[in-house]
Amino acid sequence: LLLAAPGSAESNWVLWTQDVATEPGLVAEDKKVWSRVATFDSKVACFTDASARAEGQAYGASEDRKIEVLRLGLGEDHLAVKSRFVGGLFDKALMWTYYRCLPDTVDPRPLKTK
């Protein structure tokens, strides 16, 4: 029989996403802030889901976008999907969709001031 010490249990992991663009109007205001997507029992499960979402975005690209999936940071917790638009209203504009796995005790959004 093993007993876990208080506070020793592994925390849950949260997948967050955020969109950033070089052109005004390309990203909706609600997508510019970090948004909570899902919660997982492990960092590996979180990052696996983030990778699947990023790859799905890349494979679902249309002719008006060229997309790359980049791994950022020192650990496997941060992905970026870079979209370069070709033609149309946003020709040559860049947009990044970031995916980040963090412990449920960490919130990437800036603190709101009064």
PDB file of N, CA and C in Angstrom:
ATOM      1  N   LEU A   1       0.849  -1.180   0.000  1.00  0.00           N
ATOM      2  CA  LEU A   1       0.000   0.000   0.000  1.00  0.00           C
ATOM      3  C   LEU A   1       0.889   1.235   0.000  1.00  0.00           C
ATOM      4  N   LEU A   2       0.673   2.116  -0.977  1.00  0.00           N
ATOM      5  CA  LEU A   2       1.448   3.352  -1.069  1.00  0.00           C
ATOM      6  C   LEU A   2       0.549   4.533  -0.747  1.00  0.00           C
ATOM      7  N   LEU A   3       1.056   5.425   0.041  1.00  0.00           N
ATOM      8  CA  LEU A   3       0.323   6.632   0.366  1.00  0.00           C
ATOM      9  C   LEU A   3       1.046   7.829  -0.233  1.00  0.00           C
ATOM     10  N   ALA A   4       0.291   8.694  -0.873  1.00  0.00           N
ATOM     11  CA  ALA A   4       0.891   9.894  -1.459  1.00  0.00           C
ATOM     12  C   ALA A   4       0.887  10.998  -0.412  1.00  0.00           C
ATOM     13  N   ALA A   5       1.988  11.717  -0.371  1.00  0.00           N
ATOM     14  CA  ALA A   5       2.072  12.856   0.542  1.00  0.00           C
ATOM     15  C   ALA A   5       1.182  13.973   0.018  1.00  0.00           C
ATOM     16  N   PRO A   6       0.600  14.794   0.916  1.00  0.00           N
ATOM     17  CA  PRO A   6      -0.240  15.904   0.468  1.00  0.00           C
ATOM     18  C   PRO A   6       0.536  16.797  -0.499  1.00  0.00           C
ATOM     19  N   GLY A   7      -0.129  17.162  -1.589  1.00  0.00           N
ATOM     20  CA  GLY A   7       0.509  18.050  -2.557  1.00  0.00           C
ATOM     21  C   GLY A   7       1.451  17.348  -3.508  1.00  0.00           C
ATOM     22  N   SER A   8       1.619  16.030  -3.383  1.00  0.00           N
ATOM     23  CA  SER A   8       2.563  15.351  -4.256  1.00  0.00           C
ATOM     24  C   SER A   8       1.919  14.837  -5.535  1.00  0.00           C
ATOM     25  N   ALA A   9       0.606  14.854  -5.606  1.00  0.00           N
ATOM     26  CA  ALA A   9      -0.069  14.375  -6.809  1.00  0.00           C
ATOM     27  C   ALA A   9       0.268  15.275  -7.990  1.00  0.00           C
ATOM     28  N   GLU A  10       0.413  14.649  -9.145  1.00  0.00           N
ATOM     29  CA  GLU A  10       0.721  15.399 -10.349  1.00  0.00           C
ATOM     30  C   GLU A  10      -0.477  16.264 -10.718  1.00  0.00           C
ATOM     31  N   SER A  11      -0.227  17.499 -11.130  1.00  0.00           N
ATOM     32  CA  SER A  11      -1.313  18.397 -11.494  1.00  0.00           C
ATOM     33  C   SER A  11      -1.818  18.079 -12.890  1.00  0.00           C
ATOM     34  N   ASN A  12      -2.973  18.603 -13.202  1.00  0.00           N
ATOM     35  CA  ASN A  12      -3.498  18.501 -14.551  1.00  0.00           C
ATOM     36  C   ASN A  12      -2.781  19.491 -15.453  1.00  0.00           C
ATOM     37  N   TRP A  13      -2.866  19.261 -16.745  1.00  0.00           N
ATOM     38  CA  TRP A  13      -2.247  20.141 -17.732  1.00  0.00           C
ATOM     39  C   TRP A  13      -3.336  20.757 -18.595  1.00  0.00           C
ATOM     40  N   VAL A  14      -3.159  22.029 -18.928  1.00  0.00           N
ATOM     41  CA  VAL A  14      -4.152  22.760 -19.702  1.00  0.00           C
ATOM     42  C   VAL A  14      -3.543  23.167 -21.035  1.00  0.00           C
ATOM     43  N   LEU A  15      -4.315  22.954 -22.113  1.00  0.00           N
ATOM     44  CA  LEU A  15      -3.922  23.412 -23.438  1.00  0.00           C
ATOM     45  C   LEU A  15      -4.541  24.782 -23.662  1.00  0.00           C
ATOM     46  N   TRP A  16      -3.680  25.747 -23.997  1.00  0.00           N
ATOM     47  CA  TRP A  16      -4.094  27.122 -24.269  1.00  0.00           C
ATOM     48  C   TRP A  16      -3.818  27.426 -25.733  1.00  0.00           C
ATOM     49  N   THR A  17      -4.569  28.377 -26.317  1.00  0.00           N
ATOM     50  CA  THR A  17      -4.321  28.813 -27.689  1.00  0.00           C
ATOM     51  C   THR A  17      -4.475  30.325 -27.791  1.00  0.00           C
ATOM     52  N   GLN A  18      -3.777  30.890 -28.788  1.00  0.00           N
ATOM     53  CA  GLN A  18      -3.819  32.333 -29.032  1.00  0.00           C
ATOM     54  C   GLN A  18      -3.474  32.568 -30.499  1.00  0.00           C
ATOM     55  N   ASP A  19      -4.124  33.534 -31.145  1.00  0.00           N
ATOM     56  CA  ASP A  19      -3.813  33.918 -32.519  1.00  0.00           C
ATOM     57  C   ASP A  19      -3.210  35.316 -32.539  1.00  0.00           C
ATOM     58  N   VAL A  20      -2.170  35.497 -33.355  1.00  0.00           N
ATOM     59  CA  VAL A  20      -1.507  36.797 -33.511  1.00  0.00           C
ATOM     60  C   VAL A  20      -1.304  37.014 -35.006  1.00  0.00           C
ATOM     61  N   ALA A  21      -1.551  38.234 -35.487  1.00  0.00           N
ATOM     62  CA  ALA A  21      -1.411  38.509 -36.919  1.00  0.00           C
ATOM     63  C   ALA A  21      -0.689  39.825 -37.175  1.00  0.00           C
ATOM     64  N   THR A  22      -0.130  39.943 -38.384  1.00  0.00           N
ATOM     65  CA  THR A  22       0.569  41.167 -38.768  1.00  0.00           C
ATOM     66  C   THR A  22      -0.383  42.220 -39.331  1.00  0.00           C
ATOM     67  N   GLU A  23      -1.589  41.824 -39.697  1.00  0.00           N
ATOM     68  CA  GLU A  23      -2.559  42.748 -40.284  1.00  0.00           C
ATOM     69  C   GLU A  23      -3.751  42.948 -39.367  1.00  0.00           C
ATOM     70  N   PRO A  24      -4.143  44.209 -39.136  1.00  0.00           N
ATOM     71  CA  PRO A  24      -5.351  44.456 -38.344  1.00  0.00           C
ATOM     72  C   PRO A  24      -6.559  43.846 -39.064  1.00  0.00           C
ATOM     73  N   GLY A  25      -7.468  43.296 -38.324  1.00  0.00           N
ATOM     74  CA  GLY A  25      -8.676  42.732 -38.910  1.00  0.00           C
ATOM     75  C   GLY A  25      -8.562  41.274 -39.315  1.00  0.00           C
ATOM     76  N   LEU A  26      -7.368  40.724 -39.297  1.00  0.00           N
ATOM     77  CA  LEU A  26      -7.184  39.328 -39.690  1.00  0.00           C
ATOM     78  C   LEU A  26      -7.623  38.363 -38.587  1.00  0.00           C
ATOM     79  N   VAL A  27      -7.462  38.781 -37.334  1.00  0.00           N
ATOM     80  CA  VAL A  27      -7.807  37.933 -36.187  1.00  0.00           C
ATOM     81  C   VAL A  27      -8.895  38.615 -35.364  1.00  0.00           C
ATOM     82  N   ALA A  28      -9.931  37.863 -35.040  1.00  0.00           N
ATOM     83  CA  ALA A  28     -11.007  38.387 -34.192  1.00  0.00           C
ATOM     84  C   ALA A  28     -10.449  38.732 -32.812  1.00  0.00           C
ATOM     85  N   GLU A  29     -10.995  39.744 -32.186  1.00  0.00           N
ATOM     86  CA  GLU A  29     -10.512  40.217 -30.876  1.00  0.00           C
ATOM     87  C   GLU A  29     -10.475  39.110 -29.827  1.00  0.00           C
ATOM     88  N   ASP A  30     -11.484  38.234 -29.820  1.00  0.00           N
ATOM     89  CA  ASP A  30     -11.526  37.183 -28.797  1.00  0.00           C
ATOM     90  C   ASP A  30     -10.468  36.107 -29.009  1.00  0.00           C
ATOM     91  N   LYS A  31      -9.850  36.054 -30.181  1.00  0.00           N
ATOM     92  CA  LYS A  31      -8.802  35.067 -30.463  1.00  0.00           C
ATOM     93  C   LYS A  31      -7.403  35.615 -30.153  1.00  0.00           C
ATOM     94  N   LYS A  32      -7.296  36.912 -29.858  1.00  0.00           N
ATOM     95  CA  LYS A  32      -5.994  37.532 -29.590  1.00  0.00           C
ATOM     96  C   LYS A  32      -5.492  37.273 -28.175  1.00  0.00           C
ATOM     97  N   VAL A  33      -6.379  36.852 -27.302  1.00  0.00           N
ATOM     98  CA  VAL A  33      -5.989  36.548 -25.917  1.00  0.00           C
ATOM     99  C   VAL A  33      -5.864  35.038 -25.754  1.00  0.00           C
ATOM    100  N   TRP A  34      -5.075  34.597 -24.791  1.00  0.00           N
ATOM    101  CA  TRP A  34      -4.934  33.164 -24.534  1.00  0.00           C
ATOM    102  C   TRP A  34      -6.287  32.609 -24.123  1.00  0.00           C
ATOM    103  N   SER A  35      -6.704  31.525 -24.757  1.00  0.00           N
ATOM    104  CA  SER A  35      -7.972  30.864 -24.444  1.00  0.00           C
ATOM    105  C   SER A  35      -7.702  29.428 -24.024  1.00  0.00           C
ATOM    106  N   ARG A  36      -8.389  29.001 -23.006  1.00  0.00           N
ATOM    107  CA  ARG A  36      -8.271  27.632 -22.491  1.00  0.00           C
ATOM    108  C   ARG A  36      -9.038  26.703 -23.439  1.00  0.00           C
ATOM    109  N   VAL A  37      -8.375  25.633 -23.909  1.00  0.00           N
ATOM    110  CA  VAL A  37      -8.987  24.721 -24.871  1.00  0.00           C
ATOM    111  C   VAL A  37      -9.452  23.433 -24.207  1.00  0.00           C
ATOM    112  N   ALA A  38      -8.570  22.795 -23.435  1.00  0.00           N
ATOM    113  CA  ALA A  38      -8.888  21.496 -22.833  1.00  0.00           C
ATOM    114  C   ALA A  38      -7.946  21.226 -21.666  1.00  0.00           C
ATOM    115  N   THR A  39      -8.329  20.267 -20.813  1.00  0.00           N
ATOM    116  CA  THR A  39      -7.518  19.855 -19.669  1.00  0.00           C
ATOM    117  C   THR A  39      -7.160  18.379 -19.829  1.00  0.00           C
ATOM    118  N   PHE A  40      -5.926  18.027 -19.423  1.00  0.00           N
ATOM    119  CA  PHE A  40      -5.414  16.665 -19.587  1.00  0.00           C
ATOM    120  C   PHE A  40      -4.782  16.185 -18.286  1.00  0.00           C
ATOM    121  N   ASP A  41      -4.649  14.867 -18.165  1.00  0.00           N
ATOM    122  CA  ASP A  41      -4.043  14.259 -16.984  1.00  0.00           C
ATOM    123  C   ASP A  41      -2.519  14.333 -16.995  1.00  0.00           C
ATOM    124  N   SER A  42      -1.927  14.571 -18.188  1.00  0.00           N
ATOM    125  CA  SER A  42      -0.466  14.610 -18.272  1.00  0.00           C
ATOM    126  C   SER A  42      -0.011  15.607 -19.328  1.00  0.00           C
ATOM    127  N   LYS A  43       1.232  16.018 -19.199  1.00  0.00           N
ATOM    128  CA  LYS A  43       1.826  16.929 -20.171  1.00  0.00           C
ATOM    129  C   LYS A  43       1.911  16.256 -21.541  1.00  0.00           C
ATOM    130  N   VAL A  44       2.238  14.966 -21.556  1.00  0.00           N
ATOM    131  CA  VAL A  44       2.338  14.226 -22.815  1.00  0.00           C
ATOM    132  C   VAL A  44       1.000  14.219 -23.550  1.00  0.00           C
ATOM    133  N   ALA A  45      -0.089  13.958 -22.825  1.00  0.00           N
ATOM    134  CA  ALA A  45      -1.414  13.940 -23.444  1.00  0.00           C
ATOM    135  C   ALA A  45      -1.780  15.317 -23.981  1.00  0.00           C
ATOM    136  N   CYS A  46      -1.442  16.348 -23.235  1.00  0.00           N
ATOM    137  CA  CYS A  46      -1.711  17.718 -23.663  1.00  0.00           C
ATOM    138  C   CYS A  46      -0.948  18.036 -24.943  1.00  0.00           C
ATOM    139  N   PHE A  47       0.342  17.731 -24.950  1.00  0.00           N
ATOM    140  CA  PHE A  47       1.156  18.063 -26.112  1.00  0.00           C
ATOM    141  C   PHE A  47       0.756  17.221 -27.325  1.00  0.00           C
ATOM    142  N   THR A  48       0.335  15.990 -27.105  1.00  0.00           N
ATOM    143  CA  THR A  48      -0.136  15.149 -28.211  1.00  0.00           C
ATOM    144  C   THR A  48      -1.366  15.781 -28.863  1.00  0.00           C
ATOM    145  N   ASP A  49      -2.287  16.276 -28.037  1.00  0.00           N
ATOM    146  CA  ASP A  49      -3.479  16.938 -28.561  1.00  0.00           C
ATOM    147  C   ASP A  49      -3.109  18.235 -29.279  1.00  0.00           C
ATOM    148  N   ALA A  50      -2.199  19.015 -28.701  1.00  0.00           N
ATOM    149  CA  ALA A  50      -1.760  20.262 -29.339  1.00  0.00           C
ATOM    150  C   ALA A  50      -1.134  19.968 -30.699  1.00  0.00           C
ATOM    151  N   SER A  51      -0.314  18.934 -30.768  1.00  0.00           N
ATOM    152  CA  SER A  51       0.326  18.555 -32.033  1.00  0.00           C
ATOM    153  C   SER A  51      -0.715  18.157 -33.077  1.00  0.00           C
ATOM    154  N   ALA A  52      -1.714  17.388 -32.649  1.00  0.00           N
ATOM    155  CA  ALA A  52      -2.770  16.966 -33.577  1.00  0.00           C
ATOM    156  C   ALA A  52      -3.549  18.169 -34.098  1.00  0.00           C
ATOM    157  N   ARG A  53      -3.829  19.122 -33.225  1.00  0.00           N
ATOM    158  CA  ARG A  53      -4.541  20.333 -33.653  1.00  0.00           C
ATOM    159  C   ARG A  53      -3.707  21.145 -34.639  1.00  0.00           C
ATOM    160  N   ALA A  54      -2.416  21.294 -34.342  1.00  0.00           N
ATOM    161  CA  ALA A  54      -1.529  22.057 -35.218  1.00  0.00           C
ATOM    162  C   ALA A  54      -1.389  21.384 -36.585  1.00  0.00           C
ATOM    163  N   GLU A  55      -1.186  20.076 -36.579  1.00  0.00           N
ATOM    164  CA  GLU A  55      -1.058  19.341 -37.841  1.00  0.00           C
ATOM    165  C   GLU A  55      -2.371  19.386 -38.619  1.00  0.00           C
ATOM    166  N   GLY A  56      -3.499  19.305 -37.922  1.00  0.00           N
ATOM    167  CA  GLY A  56      -4.805  19.391 -38.575  1.00  0.00           C
ATOM    168  C   GLY A  56      -4.993  20.726 -39.264  1.00  0.00           C
ATOM    169  N   GLN A  57      -4.519  21.781 -38.620  1.00  0.00           N
ATOM    170  CA  GLN A  57      -4.582  23.108 -39.225  1.00  0.00           C
ATOM    171  C   GLN A  57      -3.734  23.143 -40.494  1.00  0.00           C
ATOM    172  N   ALA A  58      -2.543  22.578 -40.421  1.00  0.00           N
ATOM    173  CA  ALA A  58      -1.626  22.590 -41.561  1.00  0.00           C
ATOM    174  C   ALA A  58      -2.193  21.786 -42.727  1.00  0.00           C
ATOM    175  N   TYR A  59      -2.748  20.619 -42.438  1.00  0.00           N
ATOM    176  CA  TYR A  59      -3.281  19.788 -43.515  1.00  0.00           C
ATOM    177  C   TYR A  59      -4.603  20.298 -44.050  1.00  0.00           C
ATOM    178  N   GLY A  60      -5.286  21.108 -43.268  1.00  0.00           N
ATOM    179  CA  GLY A  60      -6.561  21.659 -43.714  1.00  0.00           C
ATOM    180  C   GLY A  60      -6.416  22.990 -44.441  1.00  0.00           C
ATOM    181  N   ALA A  61      -5.183  23.373 -44.775  1.00  0.00           N
ATOM    182  CA  ALA A  61      -4.937  24.665 -45.418  1.00  0.00           C
ATOM    183  C   ALA A  61      -5.547  24.709 -46.812  1.00  0.00           C
ATOM    184  N   SER A  62      -5.915  25.904 -47.216  1.00  0.00           N
ATOM    185  CA  SER A  62      -6.447  26.106 -48.558  1.00  0.00           C
ATOM    186  C   SER A  62      -5.378  26.750 -49.433  1.00  0.00           C
ATOM    187  N   GLU A  63      -5.705  26.989 -50.674  1.00  0.00           N
ATOM    188  CA  GLU A  63      -4.736  27.558 -51.617  1.00  0.00           C
ATOM    189  C   GLU A  63      -4.326  28.981 -51.260  1.00  0.00           C
ATOM    190  N   ASP A  64      -5.126  29.670 -50.440  1.00  0.00           N
ATOM    191  CA  ASP A  64      -4.799  31.052 -50.097  1.00  0.00           C
ATOM    192  C   ASP A  64      -3.845  31.162 -48.906  1.00  0.00           C
ATOM    193  N   ARG A  65      -3.381  30.008 -48.377  1.00  0.00           N
ATOM    194  CA  ARG A  65      -2.458  30.039 -47.241  1.00  0.00           C
ATOM    195  C   ARG A  65      -1.380  28.980 -47.388  1.00  0.00           C
ATOM    196  N   LYS A  66      -0.163  29.360 -47.000  1.00  0.00           N
ATOM    197  CA  LYS A  66       0.932  28.410 -46.857  1.00  0.00           C
ATOM    198  C   LYS A  66       1.182  28.300 -45.364  1.00  0.00           C
ATOM    199  N   ILE A  67       1.221  27.079 -44.835  1.00  0.00           N
ATOM    200  CA  ILE A  67       1.269  26.887 -43.398  1.00  0.00           C
ATOM    201  C   ILE A  67       2.454  26.029 -42.991  1.00  0.00           C
ATOM    202  N   GLU A  68       3.125  26.432 -41.901  1.00  0.00           N
ATOM    203  CA  GLU A  68       4.215  25.659 -41.297  1.00  0.00           C
ATOM    204  C   GLU A  68       3.881  25.437 -39.827  1.00  0.00           C
ATOM    205  N   VAL A  69       4.273  24.288 -39.283  1.00  0.00           N
ATOM    206  CA  VAL A  69       4.130  24.020 -37.856  1.00  0.00           C
ATOM    207  C   VAL A  69       5.520  24.082 -37.243  1.00  0.00           C
ATOM    208  N   LEU A  70       5.692  24.935 -36.242  1.00  0.00           N
ATOM    209  CA  LEU A  70       6.996  25.141 -35.598  1.00  0.00           C
ATOM    210  C   LEU A  70       6.910  24.762 -34.133  1.00  0.00           C
ATOM    211  N   ARG A  71       7.956  24.187 -33.597  1.00  0.00           N
ATOM    212  CA  ARG A  71       8.037  23.895 -32.167  1.00  0.00           C
ATOM    213  C   ARG A  71       8.870  25.003 -31.523  1.00  0.00           C
ATOM    214  N   LEU A  72       8.337  25.585 -30.472  1.00  0.00           N
ATOM    215  CA  LEU A  72       9.004  26.710 -29.818  1.00  0.00           C
ATOM    216  C   LEU A  72       9.347  26.361 -28.383  1.00  0.00           C
ATOM    217  N   GLY A  73      10.321  27.054 -27.842  1.00  0.00           N
ATOM    218  CA  GLY A  73      10.669  26.881 -26.441  1.00  0.00           C
ATOM    219  C   GLY A  73      11.626  25.730 -26.216  1.00  0.00           C
ATOM    220  N   LEU A  74      12.065  25.593 -24.983  1.00  0.00           N
ATOM    221  CA  LEU A  74      13.032  24.567 -24.629  1.00  0.00           C
ATOM    222  C   LEU A  74      12.395  23.200 -24.427  1.00  0.00           C
ATOM    223  N   GLY A  75      11.150  23.172 -23.988  1.00  0.00           N
ATOM    224  CA  GLY A  75      10.474  21.901 -23.749  1.00  0.00           C
ATOM    225  C   GLY A  75       9.405  21.672 -24.786  1.00  0.00           C
ATOM    226  N   GLU A  76       8.777  20.541 -24.701  1.00  0.00           N
ATOM    227  CA  GLU A  76       7.695  20.243 -25.629  1.00  0.00           C
ATOM    228  C   GLU A  76       6.385  20.766 -25.048  1.00  0.00           C
ATOM    229  N   ASP A  77       6.274  22.076 -24.979  1.00  0.00           N
ATOM    230  CA  ASP A  77       5.052  22.647 -24.443  1.00  0.00           C
ATOM    231  C   ASP A  77       4.512  23.783 -25.284  1.00  0.00           C
ATOM    232  N   HIS A  78       5.141  24.105 -26.391  1.00  0.00           N
ATOM    233  CA  HIS A  78       4.771  25.295 -27.130  1.00  0.00           C
ATOM    234  C   HIS A  78       4.892  25.026 -28.624  1.00  0.00           C
ATOM    235  N   LEU A  79       3.791  25.137 -29.340  1.00  0.00           N
ATOM    236  CA  LEU A  79       3.764  24.973 -30.791  1.00  0.00           C
ATOM    237  C   LEU A  79       3.261  26.251 -31.420  1.00  0.00           C
ATOM    238  N   ALA A  80       3.703  26.525 -32.627  1.00  0.00           N
ATOM    239  CA  ALA A  80       3.172  27.649 -33.386  1.00  0.00           C
ATOM    240  C   ALA A  80       2.846  27.163 -34.788  1.00  0.00           C
ATOM    241  N   VAL A  81       1.699  27.586 -35.287  1.00  0.00           N
ATOM    242  CA  VAL A  81       1.321  27.324 -36.663  1.00  0.00           C
ATOM    243  C   VAL A  81       1.413  28.666 -37.373  1.00  0.00           C
ATOM    244  N   LYS A  82       2.340  28.757 -38.338  1.00  0.00           N
ATOM    245  CA  LYS A  82       2.536  30.012 -39.079  1.00  0.00           C
ATOM    246  C   LYS A  82       1.794  29.921 -40.400  1.00  0.00           C
ATOM    247  N   SER A  83       0.900  30.877 -40.640  1.00  0.00           N
ATOM    248  CA  SER A  83       0.145  30.942 -41.892  1.00  0.00           C
ATOM    249  C   SER A  83       0.587  32.179 -42.663  1.00  0.00           C
ATOM    250  N   ARG A  84       0.981  31.988 -43.913  1.00  0.00           N
ATOM    251  CA  ARG A  84       1.298  33.115 -44.800  1.00  0.00           C
ATOM    252  C   ARG A  84       0.215  33.157 -45.865  1.00  0.00           C
ATOM    253  N   PHE A  85      -0.508  34.268 -45.937  1.00  0.00           N
ATOM    254  CA  PHE A  85      -1.616  34.385 -46.875  1.00  0.00           C
ATOM    255  C   PHE A  85      -1.092  34.760 -48.256  1.00  0.00           C
ATOM    256  N   VAL A  86      -1.734  34.202 -49.273  1.00  0.00           N
ATOM    257  CA  VAL A  86      -1.332  34.426 -50.655  1.00  0.00           C
ATOM    258  C   VAL A  86      -2.556  34.923 -51.417  1.00  0.00           C
ATOM    259  N   GLY A  87      -2.467  36.158 -51.933  1.00  0.00           N
ATOM    260  CA  GLY A  87      -3.573  36.738 -52.685  1.00  0.00           C
ATOM    261  C   GLY A  87      -4.671  37.243 -51.777  1.00  0.00           C
ATOM    262  N   GLY A  88      -5.635  37.892 -52.363  1.00  0.00           N
ATOM    263  CA  GLY A  88      -6.789  38.381 -51.624  1.00  0.00           C
ATOM    264  C   GLY A  88      -6.480  39.589 -50.759  1.00  0.00           C
ATOM    265  N   LEU A  89      -7.409  39.900 -49.892  1.00  0.00           N
ATOM    266  CA  LEU A  89      -7.328  41.067 -49.019  1.00  0.00           C
ATOM    267  C   LEU A  89      -6.105  41.058 -48.117  1.00  0.00           C
ATOM    268  N   PHE A  90      -5.693  39.898 -47.637  1.00  0.00           N
ATOM    269  CA  PHE A  90      -4.580  39.801 -46.695  1.00  0.00           C
ATOM    270  C   PHE A  90      -3.309  39.254 -47.336  1.00  0.00           C
ATOM    271  N   ASP A  91      -3.100  39.524 -48.617  1.00  0.00           N
ATOM    272  CA  ASP A  91      -1.920  39.038 -49.336  1.00  0.00           C
ATOM    273  C   ASP A  91      -0.637  39.365 -48.564  1.00  0.00           C
ATOM    274  N   LYS A  92       0.194  38.365 -48.364  1.00  0.00           N
ATOM    275  CA  LYS A  92       1.491  38.445 -47.674  1.00  0.00           C
ATOM    276  C   LYS A  92       1.389  38.657 -46.167  1.00  0.00           C
ATOM    277  N   ALA A  93       0.199  38.675 -45.630  1.00  0.00           N
ATOM    278  CA  ALA A  93       0.035  38.809 -44.173  1.00  0.00           C
ATOM    279  C   ALA A  93       0.442  37.506 -43.503  1.00  0.00           C
ATOM    280  N   LEU A  94       0.908  37.623 -42.277  1.00  0.00           N
ATOM    281  CA  LEU A  94       1.271  36.452 -41.470  1.00  0.00           C
ATOM    282  C   LEU A  94       0.338  36.345 -40.276  1.00  0.00           C
ATOM    283  N   MET A  95       0.018  35.107 -39.924  1.00  0.00           N
ATOM    284  CA  MET A  95      -0.761  34.854 -38.725  1.00  0.00           C
ATOM    285  C   MET A  95      -0.144  33.655 -38.020  1.00  0.00           C
ATOM    286  N   TRP A  96      -0.028  33.739 -36.706  1.00  0.00           N
ATOM    287  CA  TRP A  96       0.469  32.634 -35.899  1.00  0.00           C
ATOM    288  C   TRP A  96      -0.654  32.189 -34.984  1.00  0.00           C
ATOM    289  N   THR A  97      -0.848  30.886 -34.904  1.00  0.00           N
ATOM    290  CA  THR A  97      -1.722  30.293 -33.906  1.00  0.00           C
ATOM    291  C   THR A  97      -0.806  29.543 -32.962  1.00  0.00           C
ATOM    292  N   TYR A  98      -0.797  29.957 -31.709  1.00  0.00           N
ATOM    293  CA  TYR A  98       0.066  29.333 -30.703  1.00  0.00           C
ATOM    294  C   TYR A  98      -0.725  28.334 -29.886  1.00  0.00           C
ATOM    295  N   TYR A  99      -0.090  27.214 -29.568  1.00  0.00           N
ATOM    296  CA  TYR A  99      -0.638  26.208 -28.665  1.00  0.00           C
ATOM    297  C   TYR A  99       0.380  26.029 -27.552  1.00  0.00           C
ATOM    298  N   ARG A 100      -0.102  26.020 -26.324  1.00  0.00           N
ATOM    299  CA  ARG A 100       0.812  25.918 -25.184  1.00  0.00           C
ATOM    300  C   ARG A 100       0.219  25.024 -24.110  1.00  0.00           C
ATOM    301  N   CYS A 101       1.008  24.078 -23.604  1.00  0.00           N
ATOM    302  CA  CYS A 101       0.599  23.203 -22.508  1.00  0.00           C
ATOM    303  C   CYS A 101       1.248  23.691 -21.224  1.00  0.00           C
ATOM    304  N   LEU A 102       0.413  23.976 -20.233  1.00  0.00           N
ATOM    305  CA  LEU A 102       0.901  24.479 -18.952  1.00  0.00           C
ATOM    306  C   LEU A 102       0.195  23.754 -17.816  1.00  0.00           C
ATOM    307  N   PRO A 103       0.859  23.654 -16.657  1.00  0.00           N
ATOM    308  CA  PRO A 103       0.171  23.080 -15.484  1.00  0.00           C
ATOM    309  C   PRO A 103      -1.076  23.906 -15.181  1.00  0.00           C
ATOM    310  N   ASP A 104      -2.082  23.279 -14.609  1.00  0.00           N
ATOM    311  CA  ASP A 104      -3.334  23.995 -14.347  1.00  0.00           C
ATOM    312  C   ASP A 104      -3.178  25.120 -13.329  1.00  0.00           C
ATOM    313  N   THR A 105      -2.034  25.218 -12.700  1.00  0.00           N
ATOM    314  CA  THR A 105      -1.771  26.296 -11.742  1.00  0.00           C
ATOM    315  C   THR A 105      -1.198  27.540 -12.424  1.00  0.00           C
ATOM    316  N   VAL A 106      -0.917  27.457 -13.731  1.00  0.00           N
ATOM    317  CA  VAL A 106      -0.313  28.566 -14.475  1.00  0.00           C
ATOM    318  C   VAL A 106      -1.318  29.096 -15.491  1.00  0.00           C
ATOM    319  N   ASP A 107      -1.503  30.408 -15.491  1.00  0.00           N
ATOM    320  CA  ASP A 107      -2.407  31.072 -16.431  1.00  0.00           C
ATOM    321  C   ASP A 107      -1.576  32.064 -17.251  1.00  0.00           C
ATOM    322  N   PRO A 108      -1.484  31.901 -18.592  1.00  0.00           N
ATOM    323  CA  PRO A 108      -0.638  32.781 -19.406  1.00  0.00           C
ATOM    324  C   PRO A 108      -1.217  34.168 -19.651  1.00  0.00           C
ATOM    325  N   ARG A 109      -2.479  34.383 -19.271  1.00  0.00           N
ATOM    326  CA  ARG A 109      -3.093  35.688 -19.499  1.00  0.00           C
ATOM    327  C   ARG A 109      -2.545  36.693 -18.492  1.00  0.00           C
ATOM    328  N   PRO A 110      -2.335  37.934 -18.946  1.00  0.00           N
ATOM    329  CA  PRO A 110      -1.854  38.956 -18.013  1.00  0.00           C
ATOM    330  C   PRO A 110      -2.901  39.246 -16.940  1.00  0.00           C
ATOM    331  N   LEU A 111      -2.425  39.574 -15.757  1.00  0.00           N
ATOM    332  CA  LEU A 111      -3.318  39.919 -14.666  1.00  0.00           C
ATOM    333  C   LEU A 111      -4.062  41.207 -15.005  1.00  0.00           C
ATOM    334  N   LYS A 112      -5.346  41.245 -14.681  1.00  0.00           N
ATOM    335  CA  LYS A 112      -6.142  42.445 -14.925  1.00  0.00           C
ATOM    336  C   LYS A 112      -5.898  43.430 -13.791  1.00  0.00           C
ATOM    337  N   THR A 113      -5.694  44.691 -14.150  1.00  0.00           N
ATOM    338  CA  THR A 113      -5.505  45.728 -13.133  1.00  0.00           C
ATOM    339  C   THR A 113      -6.797  46.488 -12.975  1.00  0.00           C
ATOM    340  N   LYS A 114      -6.984  47.021 -11.780  1.00  0.00           N
ATOM    341  CA  LYS A 114      -8.209  47.778 -11.484  1.00  0.00           C
ATOM    342  C   LYS A 114      -8.111  49.182 -11.979  1.00  0.00           C
TER     343      LYS A 114
END
